[in-house]
Amino acid sequence: MATKTCETANMSNLYDYVRHPRAAELQANHAVQSVEMRDIEHPNYWRRLNARVGLRITLAVGTMWCAYIFGLIALLSLPSTIASGSLFEIVVWISSSFLQLVLLPIIIVGQNIQAKAADKRAEDTYKDAEAVLHEAAQIQAHLEAQDAALLKIMIHLENLVAEENKRRGL
């Protein structure tokens, strides 16, 4: 009985797997976090200095304690503003002294919370993509094993048919 191979069985390779370049990149990298984008490790001295100063100011101002302090500072000027009796002065105090001063740290606190949530979502999405990539690789391996099994079955059937034809004299 002659053993057939894929080539002698006239079975062409139906599919050639080509790994997507992003899959290898995904395995080599990790999800980028907000903290990594701060430039405090940048090679340029001025950029590093600006990043550190900006970060420290943002971390100091971006707290609810700072919002409370700014609120108290704004309230210190409220009595003199009310004593002026000018509606314009009161509107200026509300918009400039109070709202801008108090809302700034509150907005920074909110942005910090949103950045943490975005980092968590990015990490989860990265893990999901990693899991999907792993599952796809498992499916690919399963399909390759099925291809090999089907090829063996096909070759075995072709050999049986050839033997039967030989036995019948065909």
N, C-alpha and C. Protein backbone atom coordinates (compact mmCIF):
# COMPACT_ATOMS: atom_id res chain seq x y z
N MET A 1 0.85 -1.17 0.00
CA MET A 1 0.00 0.00 0.00
C MET A 1 0.89 1.23 0.00
N ALA A 2 0.71 2.08 -0.98
CA ALA A 2 1.52 3.29 -1.10
C ALA A 2 0.96 4.36 -0.17
N THR A 3 1.85 5.03 0.58
CA THR A 3 1.43 6.10 1.48
C THR A 3 1.39 7.41 0.71
N LYS A 4 0.29 8.10 0.85
CA LYS A 4 0.14 9.37 0.16
C LYS A 4 0.42 10.51 1.12
N THR A 5 0.84 11.63 0.56
CA THR A 5 1.04 12.85 1.34
C THR A 5 0.06 13.89 0.82
N CYS A 6 0.11 15.05 1.42
CA CYS A 6 -0.78 16.13 1.00
C CYS A 6 -0.56 16.46 -0.47
N GLU A 7 0.68 16.47 -0.90
CA GLU A 7 0.99 16.80 -2.29
C GLU A 7 0.50 15.71 -3.23
N THR A 8 0.75 14.43 -2.89
CA THR A 8 0.33 13.35 -3.77
C THR A 8 -1.18 13.14 -3.73
N ALA A 9 -1.82 13.64 -2.67
CA ALA A 9 -3.27 13.51 -2.56
C ALA A 9 -3.97 14.65 -3.28
N ASN A 10 -3.19 15.50 -3.94
CA ASN A 10 -3.73 16.66 -4.66
C ASN A 10 -4.55 17.58 -3.76
N MET A 11 -4.14 17.67 -2.51
CA MET A 11 -4.84 18.56 -1.58
C MET A 11 -3.99 19.81 -1.43
N SER A 12 -4.50 20.91 -1.90
CA SER A 12 -3.75 22.16 -1.77
C SER A 12 -3.93 22.70 -0.36
N ASN A 13 -3.02 23.57 0.03
CA ASN A 13 -3.13 24.21 1.33
C ASN A 13 -4.22 25.28 1.21
N LEU A 14 -5.33 25.06 1.90
CA LEU A 14 -6.48 25.94 1.75
C LEU A 14 -6.29 27.29 2.44
N TYR A 15 -5.45 27.32 3.45
CA TYR A 15 -5.33 28.54 4.24
C TYR A 15 -3.91 28.66 4.76
N ASP A 16 -3.31 29.84 4.56
CA ASP A 16 -2.00 30.14 5.13
C ASP A 16 -2.20 31.22 6.18
N TYR A 17 -1.91 30.87 7.41
CA TYR A 17 -2.09 31.81 8.52
C TYR A 17 -1.01 32.88 8.46
N VAL A 18 -1.45 34.14 8.49
CA VAL A 18 -0.53 35.27 8.56
C VAL A 18 -0.90 36.05 9.81
N ARG A 19 0.01 36.05 10.75
CA ARG A 19 -0.24 36.73 12.02
C ARG A 19 -0.28 38.24 11.81
N HIS A 20 -1.28 38.88 12.37
CA HIS A 20 -1.41 40.33 12.25
C HIS A 20 -0.30 41.00 13.08
N PRO A 21 0.35 42.03 12.54
CA PRO A 21 1.44 42.69 13.27
C PRO A 21 1.00 43.26 14.62
N ARG A 22 -0.23 43.67 14.73
CA ARG A 22 -0.72 44.23 15.99
C ARG A 22 -0.76 43.17 17.09
N ALA A 23 -0.92 41.90 16.71
CA ALA A 23 -0.97 40.83 17.71
C ALA A 23 0.37 40.71 18.43
N ALA A 24 1.47 40.77 17.68
CA ALA A 24 2.79 40.70 18.30
C ALA A 24 3.05 41.95 19.13
N GLU A 25 2.62 43.09 18.64
CA GLU A 25 2.78 44.35 19.38
C GLU A 25 2.00 44.30 20.68
N LEU A 26 0.81 43.72 20.65
CA LEU A 26 -0.02 43.60 21.84
C LEU A 26 0.67 42.78 22.91
N GLN A 27 1.32 41.68 22.50
CA GLN A 27 2.00 40.84 23.47
C GLN A 27 3.24 41.52 24.04
N ALA A 28 3.88 42.40 23.26
CA ALA A 28 5.11 43.05 23.71
C ALA A 28 4.83 44.26 24.60
N ASN A 29 3.66 44.86 24.51
CA ASN A 29 3.36 46.09 25.23
C ASN A 29 2.32 45.87 26.30
N HIS A 30 1.93 46.95 26.94
CA HIS A 30 0.86 46.93 27.94
C HIS A 30 -0.01 48.16 27.72
N ALA A 31 -1.14 48.19 28.41
CA ALA A 31 -2.04 49.33 28.29
C ALA A 31 -1.37 50.56 28.89
N VAL A 32 -1.39 51.66 28.17
CA VAL A 32 -0.76 52.89 28.64
C VAL A 32 -1.65 53.54 29.69
N GLN A 33 -1.04 53.92 30.79
CA GLN A 33 -1.75 54.58 31.88
C GLN A 33 -1.49 56.09 31.82
N SER A 34 -2.37 56.88 32.41
CA SER A 34 -2.22 58.33 32.42
C SER A 34 -0.89 58.74 33.06
N VAL A 35 -0.49 58.03 34.09
CA VAL A 35 0.74 58.38 34.81
C VAL A 35 1.97 58.27 33.89
N GLU A 36 1.91 57.41 32.90
CA GLU A 36 3.04 57.24 31.98
C GLU A 36 3.16 58.38 30.98
N MET A 37 2.12 59.18 30.84
CA MET A 37 2.11 60.26 29.86
C MET A 37 2.55 61.60 30.44
N ARG A 38 3.09 61.61 31.64
CA ARG A 38 3.39 62.87 32.33
C ARG A 38 4.70 63.52 31.91
N ASP A 39 5.56 62.84 31.18
CA ASP A 39 6.84 63.38 30.69
C ASP A 39 7.85 63.69 31.79
N ILE A 40 7.69 63.14 33.00
CA ILE A 40 8.65 63.43 34.06
C ILE A 40 9.97 62.68 33.86
N GLU A 41 10.00 61.74 32.92
CA GLU A 41 11.22 61.02 32.60
C GLU A 41 11.74 61.38 31.21
N HIS A 42 11.25 62.48 30.64
CA HIS A 42 11.63 62.88 29.28
C HIS A 42 13.11 63.28 29.25
N PRO A 43 13.83 62.99 28.15
CA PRO A 43 15.26 63.34 28.07
C PRO A 43 15.54 64.84 28.07
N ASN A 44 14.58 65.67 27.61
CA ASN A 44 14.80 67.11 27.58
C ASN A 44 14.59 67.70 28.97
N TYR A 45 15.62 68.43 29.48
CA TYR A 45 15.57 68.98 30.83
C TYR A 45 14.36 69.89 31.04
N TRP A 46 14.12 70.84 30.12
CA TRP A 46 13.05 71.82 30.28
C TRP A 46 11.68 71.15 30.26
N ARG A 47 11.54 70.18 29.40
CA ARG A 47 10.26 69.47 29.33
C ARG A 47 10.03 68.69 30.63
N ARG A 48 11.08 68.09 31.15
CA ARG A 48 11.00 67.35 32.42
C ARG A 48 10.65 68.30 33.56
N LEU A 49 11.33 69.48 33.59
CA LEU A 49 11.08 70.46 34.64
C LEU A 49 9.64 70.97 34.57
N ASN A 50 9.20 71.34 33.38
CA ASN A 50 7.82 71.82 33.22
C ASN A 50 6.81 70.76 33.64
N ALA A 51 7.08 69.52 33.29
CA ALA A 51 6.17 68.43 33.66
C ALA A 51 6.11 68.27 35.17
N ARG A 52 7.26 68.33 35.83
CA ARG A 52 7.28 68.15 37.29
C ARG A 52 6.60 69.30 38.01
N VAL A 53 6.88 70.54 37.57
CA VAL A 53 6.25 71.70 38.21
C VAL A 53 4.74 71.65 37.98
N GLY A 54 4.34 71.41 36.74
CA GLY A 54 2.91 71.34 36.44
C GLY A 54 2.22 70.23 37.21
N LEU A 55 2.89 69.09 37.32
CA LEU A 55 2.31 67.96 38.05
C LEU A 55 2.14 68.29 39.53
N ARG A 56 3.16 68.89 40.12
CA ARG A 56 3.06 69.22 41.56
C ARG A 56 1.96 70.23 41.83
N ILE A 57 1.87 71.24 40.97
CA ILE A 57 0.82 72.24 41.15
C ILE A 57 -0.55 71.59 40.98
N THR A 58 -0.68 70.75 39.96
CA THR A 58 -1.96 70.08 39.71
C THR A 58 -2.33 69.17 40.87
N LEU A 59 -1.34 68.44 41.40
CA LEU A 59 -1.63 67.55 42.53
C LEU A 59 -2.01 68.33 43.78
N ALA A 60 -1.42 69.52 43.96
CA ALA A 60 -1.74 70.34 45.13
C ALA A 60 -3.10 71.03 44.97
N VAL A 61 -3.35 71.59 43.79
CA VAL A 61 -4.58 72.34 43.57
C VAL A 61 -5.76 71.40 43.33
N GLY A 62 -5.50 70.24 42.80
CA GLY A 62 -6.58 69.32 42.43
C GLY A 62 -7.07 68.47 43.58
N THR A 63 -7.37 69.09 44.71
CA THR A 63 -7.91 68.36 45.86
C THR A 63 -9.14 69.09 46.37
N MET A 64 -9.99 68.40 47.03
CA MET A 64 -11.17 69.04 47.62
C MET A 64 -10.75 69.96 48.77
N TRP A 65 -9.66 69.65 49.47
CA TRP A 65 -9.18 70.53 50.53
C TRP A 65 -8.81 71.89 49.96
N CYS A 66 -8.20 71.89 48.78
CA CYS A 66 -7.87 73.15 48.13
C CYS A 66 -9.15 73.89 47.75
N ALA A 67 -10.17 73.18 47.30
CA ALA A 67 -11.45 73.82 46.98
C ALA A 67 -12.05 74.48 48.22
N TYR A 68 -11.95 73.80 49.37
CA TYR A 68 -12.48 74.38 50.61
C TYR A 68 -11.70 75.64 50.99
N ILE A 69 -10.37 75.58 50.87
CA ILE A 69 -9.53 76.74 51.21
C ILE A 69 -9.83 77.90 50.27
N PHE A 70 -9.93 77.61 48.98
CA PHE A 70 -10.26 78.66 48.01
C PHE A 70 -11.64 79.25 48.30
N GLY A 71 -12.57 78.41 48.70
CA GLY A 71 -13.91 78.90 49.05
C GLY A 71 -13.85 79.85 50.23
N LEU A 72 -13.05 79.51 51.25
CA LEU A 72 -12.89 80.39 52.41
C LEU A 72 -12.22 81.71 52.01
N ILE A 73 -11.20 81.63 51.16
CA ILE A 73 -10.53 82.85 50.69
C ILE A 73 -11.52 83.75 49.94
N ALA A 74 -12.32 83.14 49.09
CA ALA A 74 -13.32 83.92 48.34
C ALA A 74 -14.34 84.55 49.29
N LEU A 75 -14.72 83.80 50.33
CA LEU A 75 -15.71 84.33 51.28
C LEU A 75 -15.17 85.50 52.10
N LEU A 76 -13.84 85.58 52.22
CA LEU A 76 -13.25 86.70 52.96
C LEU A 76 -13.55 88.04 52.29
N SER A 77 -13.64 88.06 50.99
CA SER A 77 -13.91 89.32 50.28
C SER A 77 -15.40 89.57 50.09
N LEU A 78 -16.24 88.61 50.46
CA LEU A 78 -17.68 88.77 50.27
C LEU A 78 -18.26 89.95 51.06
N PRO A 79 -17.91 90.14 52.34
CA PRO A 79 -18.52 91.27 53.08
C PRO A 79 -18.24 92.63 52.44
N SER A 80 -17.02 92.86 51.97
CA SER A 80 -16.72 94.16 51.36
C SER A 80 -17.44 94.31 50.02
N THR A 81 -17.63 93.18 49.31
CA THR A 81 -18.35 93.23 48.04
C THR A 81 -19.81 93.56 48.28
N ILE A 82 -20.41 92.98 49.28
CA ILE A 82 -21.82 93.26 49.60
C ILE A 82 -21.97 94.70 50.10
N ALA A 83 -20.97 95.14 50.89
CA ALA A 83 -21.02 96.51 51.44
C ALA A 83 -20.94 97.55 50.33
N SER A 84 -20.32 97.20 49.21
CA SER A 84 -20.22 98.17 48.12
C SER A 84 -21.59 98.48 47.54
N GLY A 85 -22.51 97.54 47.64
CA GLY A 85 -23.87 97.75 47.17
C GLY A 85 -24.01 97.72 45.65
N SER A 86 -22.94 97.46 44.97
CA SER A 86 -22.97 97.46 43.51
C SER A 86 -23.31 96.06 43.01
N LEU A 87 -24.34 95.98 42.19
CA LEU A 87 -24.72 94.70 41.60
C LEU A 87 -23.60 94.16 40.72
N PHE A 88 -22.95 95.08 40.02
CA PHE A 88 -21.82 94.69 39.16
C PHE A 88 -20.71 94.03 39.98
N GLU A 89 -20.38 94.63 41.12
CA GLU A 89 -19.32 94.08 41.99
C GLU A 89 -19.70 92.69 42.51
N ILE A 90 -20.96 92.53 42.83
CA ILE A 90 -21.43 91.22 43.34
C ILE A 90 -21.34 90.17 42.24
N VAL A 91 -21.75 90.52 41.01
CA VAL A 91 -21.66 89.58 39.88
C VAL A 91 -20.20 89.25 39.60
N VAL A 92 -19.33 90.26 39.64
CA VAL A 92 -17.89 90.02 39.42
C VAL A 92 -17.35 89.11 40.51
N TRP A 93 -17.76 89.34 41.77
CA TRP A 93 -17.28 88.47 42.86
C TRP A 93 -17.73 87.03 42.65
N ILE A 94 -19.00 86.84 42.29
CA ILE A 94 -19.53 85.48 42.08
C ILE A 94 -18.79 84.79 40.95
N SER A 95 -18.62 85.50 39.82
CA SER A 95 -18.01 84.85 38.65
C SER A 95 -16.50 84.72 38.78
N SER A 96 -15.84 85.74 39.26
CA SER A 96 -14.37 85.71 39.30
C SER A 96 -13.83 85.10 40.58
N SER A 97 -14.26 85.64 41.69
CA SER A 97 -13.66 85.20 42.96
C SER A 97 -14.17 83.82 43.38
N PHE A 98 -15.47 83.65 43.34
CA PHE A 98 -15.99 82.41 43.90
C PHE A 98 -15.99 81.26 42.89
N LEU A 99 -16.71 81.41 41.80
CA LEU A 99 -16.85 80.30 40.86
C LEU A 99 -15.51 79.83 40.31
N GLN A 100 -14.70 80.77 39.79
CA GLN A 100 -13.44 80.36 39.19
C GLN A 100 -12.49 79.77 40.23
N LEU A 101 -12.43 80.39 41.38
CA LEU A 101 -11.50 79.94 42.41
C LEU A 101 -11.91 78.58 42.99
N VAL A 102 -13.17 78.38 43.22
CA VAL A 102 -13.64 77.14 43.84
C VAL A 102 -13.80 76.02 42.81
N LEU A 103 -14.28 76.36 41.63
CA LEU A 103 -14.52 75.31 40.64
C LEU A 103 -13.24 74.72 40.07
N LEU A 104 -12.16 75.49 40.01
CA LEU A 104 -10.91 74.98 39.46
C LEU A 104 -10.46 73.68 40.14
N PRO A 105 -10.28 73.65 41.45
CA PRO A 105 -9.85 72.39 42.07
C PRO A 105 -10.90 71.29 41.97
N ILE A 106 -12.18 71.65 41.98
CA ILE A 106 -13.23 70.63 41.87
C ILE A 106 -13.18 69.98 40.49
N ILE A 107 -12.96 70.78 39.45
CA ILE A 107 -12.84 70.24 38.09
C ILE A 107 -11.63 69.33 37.99
N ILE A 108 -10.51 69.72 38.60
CA ILE A 108 -9.31 68.88 38.56
C ILE A 108 -9.56 67.55 39.28
N VAL A 109 -10.25 67.60 40.41
CA VAL A 109 -10.60 66.36 41.12
C VAL A 109 -11.44 65.46 40.21
N GLY A 110 -12.43 66.05 39.55
CA GLY A 110 -13.26 65.27 38.63
C GLY A 110 -12.46 64.68 37.48
N GLN A 111 -11.54 65.46 36.93
CA GLN A 111 -10.70 64.96 35.84
C GLN A 111 -9.80 63.83 36.32
N ASN A 112 -9.29 63.93 37.53
CA ASN A 112 -8.46 62.85 38.08
C ASN A 112 -9.27 61.57 38.24
N ILE A 113 -10.50 61.70 38.68
CA ILE A 113 -11.37 60.53 38.82
C ILE A 113 -11.65 59.94 37.45
N GLN A 114 -11.94 60.80 36.46
CA GLN A 114 -12.21 60.32 35.11
C GLN A 114 -10.97 59.66 34.51
N ALA A 115 -9.78 60.20 34.79
CA ALA A 115 -8.54 59.61 34.27
C ALA A 115 -8.33 58.22 34.86
N LYS A 116 -8.61 58.05 36.15
CA LYS A 116 -8.49 56.73 36.76
C LYS A 116 -9.48 55.75 36.14
N ALA A 117 -10.69 56.22 35.89
CA ALA A 117 -11.70 55.36 35.26
C ALA A 117 -11.26 55.00 33.84
N ALA A 118 -10.71 55.97 33.11
CA ALA A 118 -10.24 55.71 31.74
C ALA A 118 -9.08 54.72 31.75
N ASP A 119 -8.18 54.87 32.74
CA ASP A 119 -7.07 53.91 32.87
C ASP A 119 -7.59 52.51 33.14
N LYS A 120 -8.60 52.40 33.99
CA LYS A 120 -9.20 51.09 34.30
C LYS A 120 -9.85 50.50 33.05
N ARG A 121 -10.58 51.34 32.30
CA ARG A 121 -11.21 50.85 31.07
C ARG A 121 -10.15 50.42 30.06
N ALA A 122 -9.07 51.19 29.95
CA ALA A 122 -8.00 50.84 29.01
C ALA A 122 -7.35 49.52 29.41
N GLU A 123 -7.12 49.33 30.69
CA GLU A 123 -6.53 48.08 31.18
C GLU A 123 -7.46 46.90 30.90
N ASP A 124 -8.76 47.09 31.17
CA ASP A 124 -9.73 46.03 30.90
C ASP A 124 -9.82 45.72 29.41
N THR A 125 -9.82 46.75 28.58
CA THR A 125 -9.86 46.54 27.12
C THR A 125 -8.61 45.80 26.66
N TYR A 126 -7.47 46.16 27.21
CA TYR A 126 -6.21 45.48 26.87
C TYR A 126 -6.29 44.00 27.25
N LYS A 127 -6.78 43.73 28.46
CA LYS A 127 -6.91 42.34 28.90
C LYS A 127 -7.91 41.57 28.03
N ASP A 128 -9.00 42.24 27.65
CA ASP A 128 -9.98 41.61 26.75
C ASP A 128 -9.34 41.27 25.41
N ALA A 129 -8.58 42.21 24.86
CA ALA A 129 -7.92 41.98 23.56
C ALA A 129 -6.91 40.84 23.68
N GLU A 130 -6.21 40.80 24.80
CA GLU A 130 -5.26 39.72 25.03
C GLU A 130 -5.96 38.36 25.10
N ALA A 131 -7.11 38.33 25.78
CA ALA A 131 -7.88 37.09 25.87
C ALA A 131 -8.40 36.66 24.51
N VAL A 132 -8.91 37.61 23.73
CA VAL A 132 -9.41 37.30 22.38
C VAL A 132 -8.27 36.78 21.51
N LEU A 133 -7.11 37.39 21.62
CA LEU A 133 -5.94 36.93 20.85
C LEU A 133 -5.57 35.50 21.24
N HIS A 134 -5.59 35.21 22.53
CA HIS A 134 -5.28 33.85 22.99
C HIS A 134 -6.31 32.85 22.47
N GLU A 135 -7.60 33.23 22.55
CA GLU A 135 -8.66 32.35 22.06
C GLU A 135 -8.50 32.11 20.56
N ALA A 136 -8.18 33.16 19.80
CA ALA A 136 -8.00 33.02 18.36
C ALA A 136 -6.83 32.09 18.05
N ALA A 137 -5.76 32.18 18.82
CA ALA A 137 -4.63 31.28 18.63
C ALA A 137 -5.03 29.83 18.93
N GLN A 138 -5.86 29.64 19.95
CA GLN A 138 -6.33 28.29 20.28
C GLN A 138 -7.22 27.75 19.17
N ILE A 139 -8.07 28.60 18.62
CA ILE A 139 -8.93 28.19 17.51
C ILE A 139 -8.08 27.81 16.30
N GLN A 140 -7.04 28.62 16.04
CA GLN A 140 -6.14 28.34 14.91
C GLN A 140 -5.47 26.98 15.10
N ALA A 141 -4.98 26.71 16.31
CA ALA A 141 -4.34 25.43 16.58
C ALA A 141 -5.34 24.28 16.42
N HIS A 142 -6.57 24.49 16.88
CA HIS A 142 -7.61 23.47 16.75
C HIS A 142 -7.90 23.19 15.27
N LEU A 143 -7.99 24.25 14.48
CA LEU A 143 -8.25 24.08 13.05
C LEU A 143 -7.10 23.36 12.35
N GLU A 144 -5.88 23.66 12.74
CA GLU A 144 -4.73 22.96 12.16
C GLU A 144 -4.76 21.47 12.50
N ALA A 145 -5.15 21.16 13.74
CA ALA A 145 -5.26 19.75 14.14
C ALA A 145 -6.38 19.06 13.35
N GLN A 146 -7.48 19.75 13.13
CA GLN A 146 -8.57 19.19 12.33
C GLN A 146 -8.12 18.98 10.89
N ASP A 147 -7.39 19.95 10.33
CA ASP A 147 -6.88 19.81 8.96
C ASP A 147 -6.01 18.56 8.84
N ALA A 148 -5.13 18.36 9.83
CA ALA A 148 -4.24 17.19 9.79
C ALA A 148 -5.06 15.89 9.89
N ALA A 149 -6.07 15.88 10.76
CA ALA A 149 -6.90 14.68 10.91
C ALA A 149 -7.70 14.43 9.64
N LEU A 150 -8.26 15.46 9.04
CA LEU A 150 -9.01 15.30 7.80
C LEU A 150 -8.11 14.83 6.67
N LEU A 151 -6.88 15.33 6.63
CA LEU A 151 -5.94 14.88 5.60
C LEU A 151 -5.64 13.39 5.76
N LYS A 152 -5.43 12.95 7.00
CA LYS A 152 -5.18 11.53 7.25
C LYS A 152 -6.38 10.69 6.81
N ILE A 153 -7.57 11.14 7.14
CA ILE A 153 -8.78 10.42 6.74
C ILE A 153 -8.89 10.36 5.22
N MET A 154 -8.64 11.49 4.57
CA MET A 154 -8.74 11.55 3.12
C MET A 154 -7.71 10.61 2.46
N ILE A 155 -6.49 10.64 2.95
CA ILE A 155 -5.45 9.77 2.40
C ILE A 155 -5.81 8.31 2.63
N HIS A 156 -6.30 8.01 3.83
CA HIS A 156 -6.69 6.63 4.14
C HIS A 156 -7.82 6.18 3.20
N LEU A 157 -8.82 7.02 2.99
CA LEU A 157 -9.91 6.66 2.09
C LEU A 157 -9.42 6.50 0.65
N GLU A 158 -8.53 7.38 0.21
CA GLU A 158 -7.99 7.27 -1.15
C GLU A 158 -7.19 5.98 -1.31
N ASN A 159 -6.45 5.60 -0.27
CA ASN A 159 -5.69 4.34 -0.33
C ASN A 159 -6.64 3.13 -0.36
N LEU A 160 -7.72 3.20 0.43
CA LEU A 160 -8.70 2.11 0.41
C LEU A 160 -9.36 1.99 -0.96
N VAL A 161 -9.72 3.13 -1.55
CA VAL A 161 -10.32 3.12 -2.88
C VAL A 161 -9.33 2.56 -3.89
N ALA A 162 -8.07 2.96 -3.80
CA ALA A 162 -7.05 2.47 -4.73
C ALA A 162 -6.87 0.96 -4.58
N GLU A 163 -6.85 0.47 -3.35
CA GLU A 163 -6.72 -0.98 -3.12
C GLU A 163 -7.93 -1.73 -3.67
N GLU A 164 -9.12 -1.17 -3.42
CA GLU A 164 -10.34 -1.81 -3.92
C GLU A 164 -10.35 -1.83 -5.44
N ASN A 165 -9.94 -0.72 -6.05
CA ASN A 165 -9.86 -0.67 -7.51
C ASN A 165 -8.82 -1.65 -8.05
N LYS A 166 -7.72 -1.80 -7.34
CA LYS A 166 -6.68 -2.74 -7.74
C LYS A 166 -7.18 -4.16 -7.62
N ARG A 167 -7.91 -4.43 -6.53
CA ARG A 167 -8.47 -5.76 -6.31
C ARG A 167 -9.49 -6.11 -7.40
N ARG A 168 -10.27 -5.13 -7.84
CA ARG A 168 -11.28 -5.36 -8.86
C ARG A 168 -10.66 -5.35 -10.27
N GLY A 169 -9.42 -4.91 -10.32
CA GLY A 169 -8.77 -4.86 -11.61
C GLY A 169 -9.09 -3.61 -12.39
N LEU A 170 -9.47 -2.59 -11.74
CA LEU A 170 -9.81 -1.32 -12.43
C LEU A 170 -8.63 -0.42 -12.58
